[in-house]
Structure formats: C-alpha cells, structure tokens
Protein backbone atom coordinates (compact mmCIF):
# COMPACT_ATOMS: atom_id res chain seq x y z
CA UNK A 1 114.84 111.76 138.39
CA UNK A 2 114.83 110.70 134.76
CA UNK A 3 117.52 111.26 132.18
CA UNK A 4 115.91 113.27 129.35
CA UNK A 5 116.82 112.94 125.68
CA UNK A 6 115.10 114.93 122.97
CA UNK A 7 115.02 114.00 119.29
CA UNK A 8 114.68 117.23 117.32
CA UNK A 9 114.55 117.83 113.59
CA UNK A 10 115.73 120.40 111.10
CA UNK A 11 112.18 120.26 109.64
CA UNK A 12 109.09 118.08 109.48
CA UNK A 13 109.20 114.57 108.11
CA UNK A 14 112.91 113.87 108.66
CA UNK A 15 112.44 110.73 110.78
CA UNK A 16 112.13 112.00 114.37
CA UNK A 17 109.29 109.59 115.16
CA UNK A 18 111.09 106.43 114.11
CA UNK A 19 114.35 107.48 115.82
CA UNK A 20 112.39 108.17 119.02
CA UNK A 21 110.61 104.82 118.77
CA UNK A 22 113.82 102.84 118.31
CA UNK A 23 115.58 104.66 121.14
CA UNK A 24 112.62 103.91 123.40
CA UNK A 25 112.75 100.26 122.35
CA UNK A 26 116.50 99.98 123.00
CA UNK A 27 116.33 101.68 126.39
CA UNK A 28 113.32 99.63 127.52
CA UNK A 29 115.46 96.48 127.39
CA UNK A 30 117.13 97.48 130.66
CA UNK A 31 115.32 100.57 131.97
CA UNK A 32 111.91 102.08 132.52
CA UNK A 33 111.43 104.52 129.66
CA UNK A 34 108.62 106.71 128.36
CA UNK A 35 108.08 108.46 125.03
CA UNK A 36 107.01 112.09 125.26
CA UNK A 37 105.71 114.62 122.76
CA UNK A 38 104.65 117.80 124.56
CA UNK A 39 103.09 119.37 121.47
CA UNK A 40 101.99 117.48 118.41
CA UNK A 41 100.49 118.63 115.12
CA UNK A 42 98.96 115.51 113.58
CA UNK A 43 96.08 114.23 111.48
CA UNK A 44 96.72 110.69 112.80
CA UNK A 45 95.55 110.13 116.37
CA UNK A 46 94.69 107.35 118.80
CA UNK A 47 92.05 107.36 121.59
CA UNK A 48 93.30 107.29 125.17
CA UNK A 49 91.69 108.25 128.51
CA UNK A 50 88.68 109.81 126.76
CA UNK A 51 91.09 112.00 124.82
CA UNK A 52 93.56 111.56 121.93
CA UNK A 53 97.30 111.33 121.37
CA UNK A 54 99.27 111.27 118.13
CA UNK A 55 99.48 107.86 116.47
CA UNK A 56 103.28 107.86 116.50
CA UNK A 57 103.32 108.32 120.30
CA UNK A 58 100.94 105.38 120.60
CA UNK A 59 103.33 103.33 118.45
CA UNK A 60 106.26 104.37 120.65
CA UNK A 61 104.33 103.26 123.75
CA UNK A 62 103.98 99.82 122.18
CA UNK A 63 107.75 99.71 121.62
CA UNK A 64 108.23 100.41 125.34
CA UNK A 65 105.57 97.93 126.44
CA UNK A 66 103.50 100.74 127.96
CA UNK A 67 99.79 101.37 128.05
CA UNK A 68 99.27 104.70 126.22
CA UNK A 69 98.50 107.71 128.44
CA UNK A 70 97.64 111.30 127.76
CA UNK A 71 100.63 112.27 129.96
CA UNK A 72 102.92 111.08 127.16
CA UNK A 73 101.44 113.61 124.69
CA UNK A 74 99.75 116.47 126.56
CA UNK A 75 98.72 118.78 123.69
CA UNK A 76 97.51 117.54 120.30
CA UNK A 77 96.60 119.92 117.48
CA UNK A 78 94.45 118.50 114.67
CA UNK A 79 93.74 120.56 111.53
CA UNK A 80 90.19 121.46 110.56
CA UNK A 81 88.70 123.74 107.93
CA UNK A 82 90.24 127.17 108.67
CA UNK A 83 90.59 126.18 112.36
CA UNK A 84 92.15 123.51 114.53
CA UNK A 85 91.13 121.24 117.36
CA UNK A 86 93.43 121.61 120.34
CA UNK A 87 93.07 118.52 122.50
CA UNK A 88 94.28 118.29 126.10
CA UNK A 89 93.28 115.76 128.74
CA UNK A 90 90.11 117.44 129.90
CA UNK A 91 88.78 119.26 126.87
CA UNK A 92 88.72 119.81 123.14
CA UNK A 93 88.92 123.43 122.07
CA UNK A 94 88.30 124.70 118.54
CA UNK A 95 90.94 127.38 117.92
CA UNK A 96 91.61 129.70 114.99
CA UNK A 97 95.10 129.57 113.55
CA UNK A 98 95.57 133.18 114.69
CA UNK A 99 94.89 132.23 118.32
CA UNK A 100 96.72 128.91 118.29
CA UNK A 101 100.09 130.17 119.53
CA UNK A 102 98.48 131.94 122.49
CA UNK A 103 96.41 128.89 123.47
CA UNK A 104 99.46 126.64 123.29
CA UNK A 105 101.18 128.96 125.78
CA UNK A 106 98.14 128.76 128.06
CA UNK A 107 98.69 124.98 128.27
CA UNK A 108 102.35 125.14 129.35
CA UNK A 109 101.42 124.51 132.99
CA UNK A 110 99.71 121.25 131.98
CA UNK A 111 102.74 120.20 129.90
CA UNK A 112 105.07 121.00 132.82
CA UNK A 113 102.88 118.98 135.17
CA UNK A 114 103.24 115.99 132.82
CA UNK A 115 107.01 116.50 132.75
CA UNK A 116 107.18 116.39 136.54
CA UNK A 117 105.15 113.16 136.66
CA UNK A 118 107.32 111.46 134.06
CA UNK A 119 110.48 112.70 135.75
CA UNK A 120 109.46 110.96 138.98
CA UNK A 121 108.31 107.70 137.39
CA UNK A 122 110.84 106.75 134.71
CA UNK A 123 114.58 106.21 134.33
CA UNK A 124 114.57 107.74 130.84
CA UNK A 125 112.22 109.95 128.86
CA UNK A 126 112.72 110.29 125.10
CA UNK A 127 111.07 113.49 124.01
CA UNK A 128 110.18 114.00 120.33
CA UNK A 129 110.08 117.55 119.04
CA UNK A 130 107.58 118.81 116.47
CA UNK A 131 108.43 120.16 113.04
CA UNK A 132 111.66 122.10 112.93
CA UNK A 133 113.43 122.72 116.21
CA UNK A 134 113.37 126.43 115.31
CA UNK A 135 109.91 127.94 114.72
CA UNK A 136 110.30 131.71 114.50
CA UNK A 137 106.59 132.14 113.74
CA UNK A 138 105.70 130.89 117.23
CA UNK A 139 106.17 132.80 120.45
CA UNK A 140 105.50 129.60 122.41
CA UNK A 141 107.81 126.89 121.10
CA UNK A 142 108.14 123.86 123.43
CA UNK A 143 111.07 122.59 121.35
CA UNK A 144 113.11 125.41 122.90
CA UNK A 145 111.13 126.54 125.92
CA UNK A 146 111.22 123.18 127.72
CA UNK A 147 114.94 122.46 127.31
CA UNK A 148 115.94 124.06 130.61
CA UNK A 149 112.97 122.46 132.39
CA UNK A 150 114.28 118.99 131.57
CA UNK A 151 118.05 119.50 131.35
CA UNK A 152 117.79 117.54 128.14
CA UNK A 153 120.43 116.05 125.82
CA UNK A 154 119.62 116.81 122.15
CA UNK A 155 119.85 114.53 119.12
CA UNK A 156 119.35 116.44 115.85
CA UNK A 157 117.94 114.63 112.80
CA UNK A 158 117.78 115.56 109.12
CA UNK A 159 116.79 113.64 105.99
CA UNK A 160 119.38 113.68 103.22
CA UNK A 161 116.76 112.83 100.58
CA UNK A 162 115.22 116.30 101.07
CA UNK A 163 118.46 118.02 100.04
CA UNK A 164 120.64 120.60 101.71
CA UNK A 165 121.49 118.45 104.70
CA UNK A 166 124.77 120.25 105.47
CA UNK A 167 123.15 123.69 105.52
CA UNK A 168 120.10 122.48 107.46
CA UNK A 169 122.07 120.89 110.30
CA UNK A 170 124.63 123.70 110.47
CA UNK A 171 121.76 126.21 110.36
CA UNK A 172 120.03 124.78 113.42
CA UNK A 173 123.31 124.78 115.38
CA UNK A 174 124.00 128.40 114.46
CA UNK A 175 120.47 129.63 115.28
CA UNK A 176 120.50 128.15 118.79
CA UNK A 177 122.12 129.85 121.75
CA UNK A 178 125.59 128.47 122.46
CA UNK A 179 124.29 126.81 125.59
CA UNK A 180 121.59 124.95 123.68
CA UNK A 181 123.82 124.19 120.71
CA UNK A 182 126.27 122.57 123.13
CA UNK A 183 123.45 120.28 124.27
CA UNK A 184 123.41 118.63 120.82
CA UNK A 185 125.49 115.50 121.32
CA UNK A 186 124.70 113.79 118.02
CA UNK A 187 123.70 114.76 114.46
CA UNK A 188 121.85 112.03 112.54
CA UNK A 189 121.63 112.04 108.75
CA UNK A 190 118.63 109.88 107.91
CA UNK A 191 117.81 107.89 104.74
CA UNK A 192 121.41 107.58 103.63
CA UNK A 193 121.93 105.40 100.58
CA UNK A 194 124.97 103.13 100.65
CA UNK A 195 125.49 103.89 96.96
CA UNK A 196 125.96 107.64 97.44
CA UNK A 197 129.42 108.63 96.24
CA UNK A 198 131.34 110.83 98.60
CA UNK A 199 128.83 110.39 101.41
CA UNK A 200 131.56 110.06 104.02
CA UNK A 201 132.68 113.54 102.97
CA UNK A 202 129.18 114.82 103.84
CA UNK A 203 129.33 113.36 107.34
CA UNK A 204 132.84 114.68 107.88
CA UNK A 205 131.86 118.17 106.64
CA UNK A 206 128.88 118.35 109.03
CA UNK A 207 130.95 117.06 111.93
CA UNK A 208 133.71 119.61 111.35
CA UNK A 209 131.33 122.55 110.96
CA UNK A 210 129.21 121.72 114.01
CA UNK A 211 131.88 120.21 116.24
CA UNK A 212 129.40 117.37 116.91
CA UNK A 213 129.55 113.66 116.21
CA UNK A 214 127.61 112.91 113.01
CA UNK A 215 126.29 109.51 111.90
CA UNK A 216 123.93 108.15 109.27
CA UNK A 217 120.89 105.88 109.29
CA UNK A 218 120.02 103.65 106.33
CA UNK A 219 117.29 104.32 103.80
CA UNK A 220 114.63 101.61 104.02
CA UNK A 221 112.06 101.62 101.25
CA UNK A 222 108.48 100.84 102.37
CA UNK A 223 109.39 101.27 106.02
CA UNK A 224 106.66 99.91 108.27
CA UNK A 225 106.24 102.95 110.52
CA UNK A 226 103.23 105.28 110.79
CA UNK A 227 103.50 108.81 109.42
CA UNK A 228 102.92 111.52 112.00
CA UNK A 229 101.06 113.97 109.82
CA UNK A 230 101.95 113.31 106.21
CA UNK A 231 100.10 111.55 103.43
CA UNK A 232 101.80 108.40 102.06
CA UNK A 233 103.66 109.20 98.86
CA UNK A 234 102.12 106.50 96.68
CA UNK A 235 102.85 106.70 92.97
CA UNK A 236 101.96 103.21 91.77
CA UNK A 237 99.99 102.07 88.74
CA UNK A 238 96.57 102.94 90.20
CA UNK A 239 95.06 99.47 90.59
CA UNK A 240 94.44 100.66 94.13
CA UNK A 241 93.10 104.23 94.19
CA UNK A 242 92.94 106.12 97.49
CA UNK A 243 90.75 109.21 97.31
CA UNK A 244 92.92 112.09 98.54
CA UNK A 245 90.34 114.60 99.68
CA UNK A 246 91.44 117.90 101.26
CA UNK A 247 90.87 116.81 104.87
CA UNK A 248 92.02 113.21 104.67
CA UNK A 249 92.93 111.89 108.11
CA UNK A 250 94.24 108.79 109.90
CA UNK A 251 96.44 108.09 106.91
CA UNK A 252 98.37 105.60 109.03
CA UNK A 253 95.59 103.22 107.92
CA UNK A 254 97.04 103.24 104.41
CA UNK A 255 100.68 102.43 104.95
CA UNK A 256 100.54 98.68 104.30
CA UNK A 257 98.97 99.13 100.87
CA UNK A 258 101.34 97.82 98.17
CA UNK A 259 103.28 100.83 96.94
CA UNK A 260 103.67 99.65 93.35
CA UNK A 261 99.90 99.29 92.93
CA UNK A 262 98.64 102.29 94.92
CA UNK A 263 98.02 105.89 93.87
CA UNK A 264 96.54 108.88 95.71
CA UNK A 265 93.76 110.25 93.51
CA UNK A 266 92.18 113.70 93.22
CA UNK A 267 90.86 113.37 89.65
CA UNK A 268 88.07 111.01 88.51
CA UNK A 269 90.00 110.10 85.36
CA UNK A 270 92.67 108.51 87.57
CA UNK A 271 90.10 105.90 88.62
CA UNK A 272 89.94 104.24 85.20
CA UNK A 273 92.46 101.51 86.11
CA UNK A 274 91.23 101.01 89.65
CA UNK A 275 90.35 97.52 90.86
CA UNK A 276 90.01 98.80 94.44
CA UNK A 277 88.89 102.28 95.52
CA UNK A 278 89.54 103.23 99.14
CA UNK A 279 87.73 106.08 100.86
CA UNK A 280 89.91 106.84 103.93
CA UNK A 281 89.08 108.77 107.08
CA UNK A 282 88.27 112.46 106.96
CA UNK A 283 88.54 115.33 109.43
CA UNK A 284 85.65 117.12 107.64
CA UNK A 285 83.51 114.37 106.14
CA UNK A 286 80.74 116.57 104.74
CA UNK A 287 83.09 119.06 103.10
CA UNK A 288 85.23 116.27 101.66
CA UNK A 289 82.16 114.58 100.23
CA UNK A 290 81.06 117.87 98.64
CA UNK A 291 84.57 118.24 97.22
CA UNK A 292 84.31 114.76 95.66
CA UNK A 293 80.94 115.65 94.19
CA UNK A 294 82.23 118.91 92.66
CA UNK A 295 85.19 117.05 91.16
CA UNK A 296 83.01 114.37 89.61
CA UNK A 297 84.54 111.65 91.78
CA UNK A 298 81.24 110.57 93.36
CA UNK A 299 79.62 109.93 89.99
CA UNK A 300 82.72 108.11 88.78
CA UNK A 301 82.73 105.82 91.83
CA UNK A 302 79.05 105.05 91.35
CA UNK A 303 79.57 104.25 87.66
CA UNK A 304 82.43 101.78 88.31
CA UNK A 305 81.15 100.26 91.57
CA UNK A 306 79.51 97.27 89.88
CA UNK A 307 82.92 96.09 88.63
CA UNK A 308 85.31 97.75 91.10
CA UNK A 309 85.68 97.00 94.80
CA UNK A 310 84.98 100.06 96.95
CA UNK A 311 85.92 100.16 100.64
CA UNK A 312 85.56 102.98 103.17
CA UNK A 313 87.08 103.55 106.60
CA UNK A 314 85.40 105.78 109.20
CA UNK A 315 84.40 109.00 107.39
CA UNK A 316 84.85 107.21 104.07
CA UNK A 317 82.50 104.50 105.32
CA UNK A 318 79.91 107.14 106.24
CA UNK A 319 80.11 108.58 102.72
CA UNK A 320 79.06 105.24 101.23
CA UNK A 321 75.57 105.36 102.77
CA UNK A 322 72.40 107.06 101.63
CA UNK A 323 72.67 110.20 103.77
CA UNK A 324 74.76 112.03 106.37
CA UNK A 325 73.19 114.60 108.71
CA UNK A 326 75.64 117.11 110.17
CA UNK A 327 76.07 118.65 113.62
CA UNK A 328 77.38 121.93 115.07
CA UNK A 329 80.95 120.98 114.10
CA UNK A 330 80.16 119.82 110.55
CA UNK A 331 76.99 121.57 109.47
CA UNK A 332 74.45 120.61 106.83
CA UNK A 333 73.33 117.36 105.23
CA UNK A 334 74.55 115.43 102.18
CA UNK A 335 73.19 112.58 100.12
CA UNK A 336 75.84 109.89 100.09
CA UNK A 337 77.06 107.46 97.44
CA UNK A 338 74.10 105.17 98.22
CA UNK A 339 76.27 102.07 97.86
CA UNK A 340 75.28 100.71 101.31
CA UNK A 341 71.82 100.73 102.85
CA UNK A 342 72.64 102.98 105.81
CA UNK A 343 72.27 106.53 107.13
CA UNK A 344 74.48 108.50 109.53
CA UNK A 345 73.52 111.25 111.95
CA UNK A 346 76.41 113.22 113.44
CA UNK A 347 76.29 113.49 117.22
CA UNK A 348 77.83 116.36 119.17
CA UNK A 349 79.99 113.92 121.13
CA UNK A 350 82.95 112.13 119.58
CA UNK A 351 83.37 108.34 119.82
CA UNK A 352 86.85 107.60 121.22
CA UNK A 353 87.62 103.97 121.95
CA UNK A 354 90.11 101.19 121.55
CA UNK A 355 88.43 98.08 120.24
CA UNK A 356 89.13 94.37 119.91
CA UNK A 357 87.61 92.58 116.94
CA UNK A 358 87.60 89.15 115.38
CA UNK A 359 88.20 88.38 111.71
CA UNK A 360 88.20 84.83 110.38
CA UNK A 361 88.49 83.41 113.91
CA UNK A 362 91.55 85.49 114.81
CA UNK A 363 91.61 88.42 117.25
CA UNK A 364 92.97 91.88 116.45
CA UNK A 365 93.04 95.39 117.93
CA UNK A 366 91.98 98.70 116.44
CA UNK A 367 90.30 101.93 117.44
CA UNK A 368 87.40 104.22 116.63
CA UNK A 369 87.51 108.03 116.43
CA UNK A 370 84.47 109.62 114.83
CA UNK A 371 81.37 111.72 115.13
CA UNK A 372 78.09 110.13 114.21
CA UNK A 373 75.80 107.18 114.77
CA UNK A 374 75.13 104.97 111.76
CA UNK A 375 71.91 103.06 111.21
CA UNK A 376 72.82 99.88 109.33
CA UNK A 377 71.02 96.61 109.92
CA UNK A 378 73.11 94.08 108.05
CA UNK A 379 76.62 94.44 109.49
CA UNK A 380 78.68 91.34 108.73
CA UNK A 381 82.41 92.09 108.51
CA UNK A 382 84.05 91.95 111.95
CA UNK A 383 82.88 90.36 115.18
CA UNK A 384 82.98 92.77 118.15
CA UNK A 385 81.90 91.17 121.42
CA UNK A 386 78.59 89.47 120.61
CA UNK A 387 77.67 91.57 117.58
CA UNK A 388 78.97 92.37 114.11
CA UNK A 389 80.61 95.56 112.84
CA UNK A 390 81.22 96.86 109.34
CA UNK A 391 79.89 95.57 106.06
CA UNK A 392 81.10 93.79 102.95
CA UNK A 393 79.01 92.35 100.14
CA UNK A 394 79.47 92.11 96.35
CA UNK A 395 82.66 94.18 96.42
CA UNK A 396 81.22 97.02 98.49
CA UNK A 397 82.15 97.55 102.14
CA UNK A 398 83.53 99.58 104.98
CA UNK A 399 84.18 99.84 108.69
CA UNK A 400 84.58 102.35 111.51
CA UNK A 401 87.61 100.45 112.82
CA UNK A 402 90.91 102.23 112.19
CA UNK A 403 93.97 100.00 111.85
CA UNK A 404 91.89 97.34 110.10
CA UNK A 405 93.89 97.97 106.91
CA UNK A 406 97.09 97.56 108.95
CA UNK A 407 95.86 94.04 109.72
CA UNK A 408 97.68 92.12 107.00
CA UNK A 409 95.30 89.16 107.11
CA UNK A 410 92.32 91.40 106.45
CA UNK A 411 94.16 93.56 103.90
CA UNK A 412 95.29 90.50 101.91
CA UNK A 413 91.68 89.24 102.05
CA UNK A 414 90.44 92.58 100.68
CA UNK A 415 93.07 92.63 97.92
CA UNK A 416 92.05 89.12 96.93
CA UNK A 417 88.39 90.15 96.82
CA UNK A 418 89.40 92.98 94.48
CA UNK A 419 91.37 90.58 92.28
CA UNK A 420 94.70 92.24 93.07
CA UNK A 421 97.71 89.95 93.21
CA UNK A 422 100.20 91.76 95.40
CA UNK A 423 102.06 91.51 98.66
CA UNK A 424 101.28 94.06 101.35
CA UNK A 425 103.90 96.74 101.89
CA UNK A 426 106.01 97.45 104.94
CA UNK A 427 109.47 96.54 106.20
CA UNK A 428 110.41 96.79 109.86
CA UNK A 429 112.91 99.23 111.35
CA UNK A 430 115.24 96.65 112.90
CA UNK A 431 118.18 97.82 110.75
CA UNK A 432 117.71 101.37 112.07
CA UNK A 433 117.45 100.05 115.62
CA UNK A 434 120.73 98.14 115.39
CA UNK A 435 122.55 101.11 113.86
CA UNK A 436 121.31 103.37 116.66
CA UNK A 437 122.37 100.81 119.24
CA UNK A 438 125.95 101.10 117.93
CA UNK A 439 126.17 104.89 117.75
CA UNK A 440 124.20 106.12 120.77
CA UNK A 441 125.93 105.80 124.14
CA UNK A 442 123.69 106.18 127.17
C-alpha cells in the first residue's frame, strides 16, 4: 500500500501545483511515486490515452519520470460557454453548471477505482486538491470526501501575496472536523519575500493558532511552472500583445514570453505598440473570433499586419485563415482574418495527440488538442514525420502544436523575426525544491 500525501490550498492559485511537483520530484529519487488529482478544473490540458488530463499533472508526471496516464487525473472539467466539458477516461460529457456537482458525484466510483490502482502500484502518491480545500457550494467535494479513503496526510498551502494568510490558514483548520484538522501536518506560506519585516512573527502566529508546524517558501519572479487554470498576469510594455479573448485556453503556451514586454490585450488601442501579436488557443474559437470582431480587434490586426508579426496557436491559428465552418459543439461559420490562405472545417471528433516535431534540425515534443481539419497547402514551419506543419512567411504564421512557444529555441527565433530584443522568461523551481527537502520529513 502507498503512503498518501495531499497538498491542499486555502484557495485557488496559491501554489499547490508546484509544491506537488517538487514533492513528487524529491520522492522519486528513492521511491516509486505518482501525482494524483482526482478532480481538476482547468483550461490547460494535455492529451493522454485518447482523453485529457490537466497540464500541471502532466508536468508532475515528467518530474517523476512517468508516462502520463488518465489514472493520475480521473475527472477533468473544462469551461465552455455557459456549460462545461467533463472528461473521464471513456467519454466527454457536456454538462450545465447546475448539473456539474451531481455528475461529479456520479464519477466517484471511477475515482475510487483509480485510487485503488495507484495504492497497489506506488510507494507514495502525492494528491493535489482543487481550489480551496473547503467548497461549501459543492455537495460532492473530493478534497474532503476522499480523505478517509486514502488515510492521507495533509499539507496546507496559502499565498501570502494574496493577503490575509493568517486568517485563511486558521480558517481552514477551524472549518474542518477535528479529525481532519489533525491530519494537517504542515502549513506552507508560499511566495514569502525575504525583505518582509516581521515575517517570522507571521509564521509564529499561524503555528501557535493552528498547533501545526508552519514554514515558508520563497517568492520566485517569472517562475517556470505552468498555470493550472489562470491567465498569466502580464503587464509589460505591449511590444508583445496576447489577445485575451473570453475563452482563451492552453495559456501554459504563453508562460515563457518575456514579462517586461508582454501584455494581455482586450482593446484594439492596446495594439498600437505591438511588434508581435499572438492569438492563443481558444475553448470557443467561433465565439472568441466574433468577440474580436465586435471589439474592433480583427480590423486592427488586419491594418497592422503588414508591419507587425502575427502568430496564432491552435484556435488562434484557425482564426488567421479565410473561413471557419462550425460543428454541433461550436455552431455557425465565420470569415477569418484572411492572413493565411487556408480554411478550417470543424469535425465532430476532437484531435488528441502527443507529437514530435523538428525545428532547425533539432527535435522537440508538443501536443495537439483541437476540433477541425484545416486545408492549407503551403505548410513550412515544423517538420513532423515526413511532412511539414504550421506556416510562417513575411511575419505571418501559426501552428496547431501546443508547447511550441515553450520551446525556447523557436520562441527566440519568433521574437527575432518580430524585431524584439529580449530574453525569454522563466526561472526554475529548484530553490523551492531544496527548501521543501529541508522542511518535509517523510
């Protein structure tokens, strides 16, 4: 049987994913260890076994040296327009938000089956919770409901930069049953600045009021770790403009963009300084394109495209063609930006595949997740097997391959094409790993 550890949070975005990843990496040095996320709400996903898992779980698998499996992340919920996709191993179900809680409960038996398999196979399982550990709006909350099933030890994480860290951590302890509160063996205060005056008083206060060891993790600016569901908080000078449409997805593609140069843009006037415009992935490509058209962004992109580099990924790539024809999931047709001689017809089946590609004689890995078949005759960007994929010519281009912008060789090439002199962003989490190694005793 495995030893189970769960990394839970006081709220979303406090650092559960990176703590889980580093614990998995540390434990894998001497043990067999698996990451686990029984329920995940995420716009960033990765294809596996003809299904999908959250991108952060995929990243954690890499830290453990494991091939990703659906067993590691049984239920994935992806937001759509007024509904969600609920993705398990065997099916994708479109669910209204009103029915979501009930359908999650219907999948508990599948989650418990995955738990039993992992329990037999691994020495350790590091289970990442979703959102806040307490979710009073949900009747079916795996963060709580699966604790007894696994006999798990709990690590509780909060982010001091969000404010109210003492109340948040104490609040979770007080809302749990005594039995579950006693399972919390460590409080972690994330993103702690060494310059904060009186910070040791904060740690001592939390420790005294929760009767639980409390430690801090350092704040690392431009941390190279994929967001689970958030949108990168770029606030640079706008030389690189990322169109932030309502259903933007796979935002993990964006995280190596240089922070000081990059801005998320919802207004066409914010494109005036842009040397590079990026159209990222979209969960609702047709609706996001219509949103751009209503906002005047499409006309602005067309007007600056002769002097500004424009690059699209997945749904953003589809938008750059002449036309997109919808399907039963995304209905209707739109005329695209007409920057690339291509047309896309949405299929009813989703493409889900890992992919190896070659760029400038070097090999890299990425993945494709999309609806639609695109008719384009002059692909020339990446070599995939014996053919070419993607397009780039005269400052206009795009690809279906996610993670291509996380390929620093390609990203630096694209920045150079756009005339942008900047280093790619992203620092590793080794400092967090070494701090965890000192404070966590297995």
